[in-house]
């Protein structure tokens, strides 16, 4: 990051400095998703298979709802309460 003052009307590159920081940093979190096809302990110990995403609370809720819907299709339980 360049630490200097900018003159009035001077263009600021959108890919340097604080421009890369989220505007609502307090409402986002980093989430790592690991996609494992083999549930063995060796596969669970491998690093580098996951991806890290910055997500807002709304995006996280949409992801959880989608995963719950997919789980419900695999294991239907009509009496289970929804949150």
PDB file of N, CA and C in Angstrom:
ATOM      1  N   UNK A   1       0.839  -1.173   0.000  1.00  0.00           N
ATOM      2  CA  UNK A   1       0.000   0.000   0.000  1.00  0.00           C
ATOM      3  C   UNK A   1       0.882   1.233   0.000  1.00  0.00           C
ATOM      4  N   UNK A   2       0.526   2.183  -0.813  1.00  0.00           N
ATOM      5  CA  UNK A   2       1.283   3.423  -0.847  1.00  0.00           C
ATOM      6  C   UNK A   2       0.736   4.353   0.213  1.00  0.00           C
ATOM      7  N   UNK A   3       1.635   4.898   1.005  1.00  0.00           N
ATOM      8  CA  UNK A   3       1.226   5.807   2.070  1.00  0.00           C
ATOM      9  C   UNK A   3       1.583   7.215   1.645  1.00  0.00           C
ATOM     10  N   UNK A   4       0.668   7.876   0.945  1.00  0.00           N
ATOM     11  CA  UNK A   4       0.908   9.247   0.521  1.00  0.00           C
ATOM     12  C   UNK A   4      -0.428   9.935   0.335  1.00  0.00           C
ATOM     13  N   UNK A   5      -0.389  11.252   0.302  1.00  0.00           N
ATOM     14  CA  UNK A   5      -1.601  12.032   0.069  1.00  0.00           C
ATOM     15  C   UNK A   5      -1.838  12.152  -1.425  1.00  0.00           C
ATOM     16  N   UNK A   6      -3.091  12.107  -1.831  1.00  0.00           N
ATOM     17  CA  UNK A   6      -3.449  12.275  -3.227  1.00  0.00           C
ATOM     18  C   UNK A   6      -3.951  13.690  -3.437  1.00  0.00           C
ATOM     19  N   UNK A   7      -3.625  14.255  -4.614  1.00  0.00           N
ATOM     20  CA  UNK A   7      -4.074  15.597  -4.953  1.00  0.00           C
ATOM     21  C   UNK A   7      -5.532  15.538  -5.401  1.00  0.00           C
ATOM     22  N   UNK A   8      -6.228  16.626  -5.263  1.00  0.00           N
ATOM     23  CA  UNK A   8      -7.627  16.687  -5.690  1.00  0.00           C
ATOM     24  C   UNK A   8      -7.732  16.363  -7.177  1.00  0.00           C
ATOM     25  N   UNK A   9      -8.614  15.447  -7.532  1.00  0.00           N
ATOM     26  CA  UNK A   9      -8.826  15.060  -8.918  1.00  0.00           C
ATOM     27  C   UNK A   9      -7.873  14.000  -9.430  1.00  0.00           C
ATOM     28  N   UNK A  10      -6.888  13.610  -8.624  1.00  0.00           N
ATOM     29  CA  UNK A  10      -5.931  12.588  -9.047  1.00  0.00           C
ATOM     30  C   UNK A  10      -6.596  11.214  -9.009  1.00  0.00           C
ATOM     31  N   UNK A  11      -6.350  10.430 -10.051  1.00  0.00           N
ATOM     32  CA  UNK A  11      -6.936   9.085 -10.113  1.00  0.00           C
ATOM     33  C   UNK A  11      -6.263   8.172  -9.094  1.00  0.00           C
ATOM     34  N   UNK A  12      -7.074   7.341  -8.467  1.00  0.00           N
ATOM     35  CA  UNK A  12      -6.571   6.377  -7.494  1.00  0.00           C
ATOM     36  C   UNK A  12      -6.835   4.989  -8.045  1.00  0.00           C
ATOM     37  N   UNK A  13      -5.806   4.165  -8.107  1.00  0.00           N
ATOM     38  CA  UNK A  13      -5.974   2.813  -8.629  1.00  0.00           C
ATOM     39  C   UNK A  13      -6.891   2.017  -7.714  1.00  0.00           C
ATOM     40  N   UNK A  14      -7.920   1.341  -8.263  1.00  0.00           N
ATOM     41  CA  UNK A  14      -8.845   0.583  -7.411  1.00  0.00           C
ATOM     42  C   UNK A  14      -8.281  -0.737  -6.905  1.00  0.00           C
ATOM     43  N   UNK A  15      -7.071  -1.113  -7.299  1.00  0.00           N
ATOM     44  CA  UNK A  15      -6.530  -2.397  -6.870  1.00  0.00           C
ATOM     45  C   UNK A  15      -5.384  -2.246  -5.877  1.00  0.00           C
ATOM     46  N   UNK A  16      -5.180  -1.059  -5.347  1.00  0.00           N
ATOM     47  CA  UNK A  16      -4.114  -0.864  -4.367  1.00  0.00           C
ATOM     48  C   UNK A  16      -4.687  -0.300  -3.083  1.00  0.00           C
ATOM     49  N   UNK A  17      -3.976  -0.526  -2.030  1.00  0.00           N
ATOM     50  CA  UNK A  17      -4.311   0.088  -0.754  1.00  0.00           C
ATOM     51  C   UNK A  17      -5.642  -0.345  -0.195  1.00  0.00           C
ATOM     52  N   UNK A  18      -6.309   0.579   0.451  1.00  0.00           N
ATOM     53  CA  UNK A  18      -7.549   0.274   1.162  1.00  0.00           C
ATOM     54  C   UNK A  18      -8.712  -0.004   0.228  1.00  0.00           C
ATOM     55  N   UNK A  19      -8.550   0.249  -1.061  1.00  0.00           N
ATOM     56  CA  UNK A  19      -9.639  -0.027  -2.005  1.00  0.00           C
ATOM     57  C   UNK A  19      -9.963  -1.514  -2.062  1.00  0.00           C
ATOM     58  N   UNK A  20      -9.021  -2.358  -1.644  1.00  0.00           N
ATOM     59  CA  UNK A  20      -9.270  -3.793  -1.668  1.00  0.00           C
ATOM     60  C   UNK A  20      -9.989  -4.275  -0.412  1.00  0.00           C
ATOM     61  N   UNK A  21     -10.112  -3.445   0.585  1.00  0.00           N
ATOM     62  CA  UNK A  21     -10.760  -3.849   1.829  1.00  0.00           C
ATOM     63  C   UNK A  21     -12.274  -3.785   1.653  1.00  0.00           C
ATOM     64  N   UNK A  22     -13.011  -4.703   2.269  1.00  0.00           N
ATOM     65  CA  UNK A  22     -14.478  -4.641   2.168  1.00  0.00           C
ATOM     66  C   UNK A  22     -15.023  -3.392   2.849  1.00  0.00           C
ATOM     67  N   UNK A  23     -16.086  -2.849   2.290  1.00  0.00           N
ATOM     68  CA  UNK A  23     -16.669  -1.639   2.863  1.00  0.00           C
ATOM     69  C   UNK A  23     -17.311  -1.914   4.215  1.00  0.00           C
ATOM     70  N   UNK A  24     -17.883  -3.096   4.365  1.00  0.00           N
ATOM     71  CA  UNK A  24     -18.532  -3.456   5.626  1.00  0.00           C
ATOM     72  C   UNK A  24     -17.765  -4.614   6.242  1.00  0.00           C
ATOM     73  N   UNK A  25     -16.536  -4.346   6.621  1.00  0.00           N
ATOM     74  CA  UNK A  25     -15.663  -5.397   7.129  1.00  0.00           C
ATOM     75  C   UNK A  25     -16.245  -6.074   8.369  1.00  0.00           C
ATOM     76  N   UNK A  26     -16.996  -5.332   9.174  1.00  0.00           N
ATOM     77  CA  UNK A  26     -17.558  -5.902  10.399  1.00  0.00           C
ATOM     78  C   UNK A  26     -18.642  -6.936  10.113  1.00  0.00           C
ATOM     79  N   UNK A  27     -19.179  -6.949   8.888  1.00  0.00           N
ATOM     80  CA  UNK A  27     -20.269  -7.868   8.567  1.00  0.00           C
ATOM     81  C   UNK A  27     -19.826  -8.983   7.619  1.00  0.00           C
ATOM     82  N   UNK A  28     -18.520  -9.228   7.542  1.00  0.00           N
ATOM     83  CA  UNK A  28     -18.059 -10.318   6.692  1.00  0.00           C
ATOM     84  C   UNK A  28     -17.103 -11.196   7.477  1.00  0.00           C
ATOM     85  N   UNK A  29     -16.979 -12.424   7.038  1.00  0.00           N
ATOM     86  CA  UNK A  29     -16.055 -13.342   7.683  1.00  0.00           C
ATOM     87  C   UNK A  29     -15.431 -14.222   6.628  1.00  0.00           C
ATOM     88  N   UNK A  30     -14.305 -14.828   6.982  1.00  0.00           N
ATOM     89  CA  UNK A  30     -13.648 -15.745   6.061  1.00  0.00           C
ATOM     90  C   UNK A  30     -14.140 -17.143   6.342  1.00  0.00           C
ATOM     91  N   UNK A  31     -14.504 -17.844   5.300  1.00  0.00           N
ATOM     92  CA  UNK A  31     -15.042 -19.189   5.412  1.00  0.00           C
ATOM     93  C   UNK A  31     -14.228 -20.102   4.515  1.00  0.00           C
ATOM     94  N   UNK A  32     -13.697 -21.178   5.077  1.00  0.00           N
ATOM     95  CA  UNK A  32     -12.945 -22.145   4.272  1.00  0.00           C
ATOM     96  C   UNK A  32     -13.833 -23.349   4.011  1.00  0.00           C
ATOM     97  N   UNK A  33     -13.964 -23.703   2.741  1.00  0.00           N
ATOM     98  CA  UNK A  33     -14.751 -24.865   2.346  1.00  0.00           C
ATOM     99  C   UNK A  33     -13.806 -25.923   1.812  1.00  0.00           C
ATOM    100  N   UNK A  34     -13.842 -27.107   2.404  1.00  0.00           N
ATOM    101  CA  UNK A  34     -13.038 -28.235   1.948  1.00  0.00           C
ATOM    102  C   UNK A  34     -13.957 -29.238   1.268  1.00  0.00           C
ATOM    103  N   UNK A  35     -13.652 -29.586   0.031  1.00  0.00           N
ATOM    104  CA  UNK A  35     -14.442 -30.541  -0.722  1.00  0.00           C
ATOM    105  C   UNK A  35     -13.699 -31.868  -0.729  1.00  0.00           C
ATOM    106  N   UNK A  36     -14.136 -32.807   0.082  1.00  0.00           N
ATOM    107  CA  UNK A  36     -13.469 -34.101   0.213  1.00  0.00           C
ATOM    108  C   UNK A  36     -14.353 -35.191  -0.376  1.00  0.00           C
ATOM    109  N   UNK A  37     -13.784 -35.975  -1.267  1.00  0.00           N
ATOM    110  CA  UNK A  37     -14.529 -37.095  -1.836  1.00  0.00           C
ATOM    111  C   UNK A  37     -14.251 -38.378  -1.081  1.00  0.00           C
ATOM    112  N   UNK A  38     -13.160 -38.407  -0.310  1.00  0.00           N
ATOM    113  CA  UNK A  38     -12.768 -39.594   0.445  1.00  0.00           C
ATOM    114  C   UNK A  38     -12.786 -39.243   1.930  1.00  0.00           C
ATOM    115  N   UNK A  39     -13.692 -39.825   2.734  1.00  0.00           N
ATOM    116  CA  UNK A  39     -13.789 -39.466   4.150  1.00  0.00           C
ATOM    117  C   UNK A  39     -12.724 -40.107   5.036  1.00  0.00           C
ATOM    118  N   UNK A  40     -11.673 -40.668   4.462  1.00  0.00           N
ATOM    119  CA  UNK A  40     -10.646 -41.331   5.266  1.00  0.00           C
ATOM    120  C   UNK A  40      -9.836 -40.303   6.061  1.00  0.00           C
ATOM    121  N   UNK A  41      -9.216 -40.731   7.167  1.00  0.00           N
ATOM    122  CA  UNK A  41      -8.387 -39.807   7.955  1.00  0.00           C
ATOM    123  C   UNK A  41      -7.248 -39.197   7.141  1.00  0.00           C
ATOM    124  N   UNK A  42      -6.694 -39.940   6.190  1.00  0.00           N
ATOM    125  CA  UNK A  42      -5.614 -39.391   5.362  1.00  0.00           C
ATOM    126  C   UNK A  42      -6.118 -38.223   4.518  1.00  0.00           C
ATOM    127  N   UNK A  43      -7.317 -38.363   3.975  1.00  0.00           N
ATOM    128  CA  UNK A  43      -7.884 -37.287   3.162  1.00  0.00           C
ATOM    129  C   UNK A  43      -8.237 -36.086   4.022  1.00  0.00           C
ATOM    130  N   UNK A  44      -8.682 -36.329   5.238  1.00  0.00           N
ATOM    131  CA  UNK A  44      -9.049 -35.230   6.127  1.00  0.00           C
ATOM    132  C   UNK A  44      -7.830 -34.405   6.522  1.00  0.00           C
ATOM    133  N   UNK A  45      -6.659 -35.013   6.510  1.00  0.00           N
ATOM    134  CA  UNK A  45      -5.454 -34.310   6.909  1.00  0.00           C
ATOM    135  C   UNK A  45      -4.789 -33.528   5.797  1.00  0.00           C
ATOM    136  N   UNK A  46      -5.235 -33.725   4.564  1.00  0.00           N
ATOM    137  CA  UNK A  46      -4.620 -33.019   3.445  1.00  0.00           C
ATOM    138  C   UNK A  46      -4.989 -31.548   3.454  1.00  0.00           C
ATOM    139  N   UNK A  47      -3.996 -30.713   3.211  1.00  0.00           N
ATOM    140  CA  UNK A  47      -4.243 -29.268   3.143  1.00  0.00           C
ATOM    141  C   UNK A  47      -4.222 -28.834   1.684  1.00  0.00           C
ATOM    142  N   UNK A  48      -4.780 -27.689   1.418  1.00  0.00           N
ATOM    143  CA  UNK A  48      -4.738 -27.150   0.078  1.00  0.00           C
ATOM    144  C   UNK A  48      -5.892 -27.552  -0.809  1.00  0.00           C
ATOM    145  N   UNK A  49      -6.837 -28.335  -0.325  1.00  0.00           N
ATOM    146  CA  UNK A  49      -7.978 -28.725  -1.153  1.00  0.00           C
ATOM    147  C   UNK A  49      -9.125 -27.738  -1.015  1.00  0.00           C
ATOM    148  N   UNK A  50      -9.099 -26.945   0.019  1.00  0.00           N
ATOM    149  CA  UNK A  50     -10.205 -26.027   0.246  1.00  0.00           C
ATOM    150  C   UNK A  50      -9.971 -24.671  -0.380  1.00  0.00           C
ATOM    151  N   UNK A  51     -11.017 -23.882  -0.372  1.00  0.00           N
ATOM    152  CA  UNK A  51     -10.943 -22.502  -0.834  1.00  0.00           C
ATOM    153  C   UNK A  51     -11.472 -21.616   0.275  1.00  0.00           C
ATOM    154  N   UNK A  52     -10.939 -20.408   0.351  1.00  0.00           N
ATOM    155  CA  UNK A  52     -11.365 -19.457   1.366  1.00  0.00           C
ATOM    156  C   UNK A  52     -12.196 -18.380   0.681  1.00  0.00           C
ATOM    157  N   UNK A  53     -13.363 -18.112   1.241  1.00  0.00           N
ATOM    158  CA  UNK A  53     -14.269 -17.112   0.708  1.00  0.00           C
ATOM    159  C   UNK A  53     -14.561 -16.073   1.783  1.00  0.00           C
ATOM    160  N   UNK A  54     -14.697 -14.816   1.379  1.00  0.00           N
ATOM    161  CA  UNK A  54     -15.180 -13.773   2.279  1.00  0.00           C
ATOM    162  C   UNK A  54     -16.681 -13.676   2.054  1.00  0.00           C
ATOM    163  N   UNK A  55     -17.455 -13.876   3.108  1.00  0.00           N
ATOM    164  CA  UNK A  55     -18.908 -13.911   2.971  1.00  0.00           C
ATOM    165  C   UNK A  55     -19.563 -12.995   3.990  1.00  0.00           C
ATOM    166  N   UNK A  56     -20.657 -12.362   3.569  1.00  0.00           N
ATOM    167  CA  UNK A  56     -21.460 -11.595   4.512  1.00  0.00           C
ATOM    168  C   UNK A  56     -22.390 -12.551   5.245  1.00  0.00           C
ATOM    169  N   UNK A  57     -23.025 -12.066   6.280  1.00  0.00           N
ATOM    170  CA  UNK A  57     -23.943 -12.918   7.036  1.00  0.00           C
ATOM    171  C   UNK A  57     -25.118 -13.364   6.164  1.00  0.00           C
ATOM    172  N   UNK A  58     -25.575 -12.493   5.241  1.00  0.00           N
ATOM    173  CA  UNK A  58     -26.672 -12.869   4.353  1.00  0.00           C
ATOM    174  C   UNK A  58     -26.244 -13.988   3.406  1.00  0.00           C
ATOM    175  N   UNK A  59     -25.027 -13.890   2.857  1.00  0.00           N
ATOM    176  CA  UNK A  59     -24.534 -14.933   1.961  1.00  0.00           C
ATOM    177  C   UNK A  59     -24.357 -16.247   2.706  1.00  0.00           C
ATOM    178  N   UNK A  60     -23.875 -16.172   3.938  1.00  0.00           N
ATOM    179  CA  UNK A  60     -23.700 -17.377   4.741  1.00  0.00           C
ATOM    180  C   UNK A  60     -25.045 -18.033   5.016  1.00  0.00           C
ATOM    181  N   UNK A  61     -26.083 -17.233   5.296  1.00  0.00           N
ATOM    182  CA  UNK A  61     -27.409 -17.790   5.543  1.00  0.00           C
ATOM    183  C   UNK A  61     -27.960 -18.465   4.294  1.00  0.00           C
ATOM    184  N   UNK A  62     -27.748 -17.855   3.111  1.00  0.00           N
ATOM    185  CA  UNK A  62     -28.190 -18.482   1.859  1.00  0.00           C
ATOM    186  C   UNK A  62     -27.477 -19.809   1.631  1.00  0.00           C
ATOM    187  N   UNK A  63     -26.178 -19.857   1.927  1.00  0.00           N
ATOM    188  CA  UNK A  63     -25.426 -21.104   1.778  1.00  0.00           C
ATOM    189  C   UNK A  63     -25.956 -22.171   2.722  1.00  0.00           C
ATOM    190  N   UNK A  64     -26.197 -21.807   3.975  1.00  0.00           N
ATOM    191  CA  UNK A  64     -26.716 -22.772   4.944  1.00  0.00           C
ATOM    192  C   UNK A  64     -28.097 -23.278   4.546  1.00  0.00           C
ATOM    193  N   UNK A  65     -28.953 -22.381   4.064  1.00  0.00           N
ATOM    194  CA  UNK A  65     -30.287 -22.792   3.615  1.00  0.00           C
ATOM    195  C   UNK A  65     -30.201 -23.759   2.436  1.00  0.00           C
ATOM    196  N   UNK A  66     -29.287 -23.482   1.503  1.00  0.00           N
ATOM    197  CA  UNK A  66     -29.113 -24.358   0.351  1.00  0.00           C
ATOM    198  C   UNK A  66     -28.604 -25.732   0.773  1.00  0.00           C
ATOM    199  N   UNK A  67     -27.625 -25.761   1.673  1.00  0.00           N
ATOM    200  CA  UNK A  67     -27.105 -27.040   2.154  1.00  0.00           C
ATOM    201  C   UNK A  67     -28.169 -27.821   2.921  1.00  0.00           C
ATOM    202  N   UNK A  68     -28.996 -27.119   3.701  1.00  0.00           N
ATOM    203  CA  UNK A  68     -30.062 -27.785   4.445  1.00  0.00           C
ATOM    204  C   UNK A  68     -31.088 -28.382   3.493  1.00  0.00           C
ATOM    205  N   UNK A  69     -31.414 -27.661   2.415  1.00  0.00           N
ATOM    206  CA  UNK A  69     -32.371 -28.179   1.433  1.00  0.00           C
ATOM    207  C   UNK A  69     -31.826 -29.435   0.751  1.00  0.00           C
ATOM    208  N   UNK A  70     -30.529 -29.421   0.439  1.00  0.00           N
ATOM    209  CA  UNK A  70     -29.927 -30.610  -0.174  1.00  0.00           C
ATOM    210  C   UNK A  70     -29.911 -31.779   0.799  1.00  0.00           C
ATOM    211  N   UNK A  71     -29.631 -31.509   2.066  1.00  0.00           N
ATOM    212  CA  UNK A  71     -29.637 -32.558   3.082  1.00  0.00           C
ATOM    213  C   UNK A  71     -31.041 -33.121   3.268  1.00  0.00           C
ATOM    214  N   UNK A  72     -32.047 -32.245   3.242  1.00  0.00           N
ATOM    215  CA  UNK A  72     -33.435 -32.699   3.370  1.00  0.00           C
ATOM    216  C   UNK A  72     -33.827 -33.637   2.232  1.00  0.00           C
ATOM    217  N   UNK A  73     -33.300 -33.395   1.034  1.00  0.00           N
ATOM    218  CA  UNK A  73     -33.594 -34.281  -0.095  1.00  0.00           C
ATOM    219  C   UNK A  73     -32.968 -35.653   0.105  1.00  0.00           C
ATOM    220  N   UNK A  74     -31.799 -35.686   0.741  1.00  0.00           N
ATOM    221  CA  UNK A  74     -31.120 -36.961   0.979  1.00  0.00           C
ATOM    222  C   UNK A  74     -31.717 -37.718   2.156  1.00  0.00           C
ATOM    223  N   UNK A  75     -32.129 -36.987   3.192  1.00  0.00           N
ATOM    224  CA  UNK A  75     -32.671 -37.593   4.411  1.00  0.00           C
ATOM    225  C   UNK A  75     -33.968 -36.891   4.781  1.00  0.00           C
ATOM    226  N   UNK A  76     -35.058 -37.191   4.109  1.00  0.00           N
ATOM    227  CA  UNK A  76     -36.314 -36.499   4.424  1.00  0.00           C
ATOM    228  C   UNK A  76     -36.823 -36.857   5.817  1.00  0.00           C
ATOM    229  N   UNK A  77     -37.085 -35.826   6.605  1.00  0.00           N
ATOM    230  CA  UNK A  77     -37.654 -35.989   7.947  1.00  0.00           C
ATOM    231  C   UNK A  77     -38.761 -34.951   8.099  1.00  0.00           C
ATOM    232  N   UNK A  78     -40.006 -35.308   7.832  1.00  0.00           N
ATOM    233  CA  UNK A  78     -41.086 -34.313   7.845  1.00  0.00           C
ATOM    234  C   UNK A  78     -41.368 -33.709   9.215  1.00  0.00           C
ATOM    235  N   UNK A  79     -40.977 -34.356  10.306  1.00  0.00           N
ATOM    236  CA  UNK A  79     -41.292 -33.834  11.635  1.00  0.00           C
ATOM    237  C   UNK A  79     -40.186 -32.962  12.209  1.00  0.00           C
ATOM    238  N   UNK A  80     -39.046 -32.841  11.508  1.00  0.00           N
ATOM    239  CA  UNK A  80     -37.934 -32.059  12.036  1.00  0.00           C
ATOM    240  C   UNK A  80     -38.226 -30.562  11.934  1.00  0.00           C
ATOM    241  N   UNK A  81     -38.033 -29.799  13.024  1.00  0.00           N
ATOM    242  CA  UNK A  81     -38.286 -28.349  12.970  1.00  0.00           C
ATOM    243  C   UNK A  81     -37.228 -27.639  12.135  1.00  0.00           C
ATOM    244  N   UNK A  82     -37.643 -26.609  11.424  1.00  0.00           N
ATOM    245  CA  UNK A  82     -36.725 -25.786  10.624  1.00  0.00           C
ATOM    246  C   UNK A  82     -36.297 -24.582  11.435  1.00  0.00           C
ATOM    247  N   UNK A  83     -35.060 -24.123  11.249  1.00  0.00           N
ATOM    248  CA  UNK A  83     -34.619 -22.909  11.949  1.00  0.00           C
ATOM    249  C   UNK A  83     -34.568 -21.799  10.963  1.00  0.00           C
TER     250      UNK A  83
END
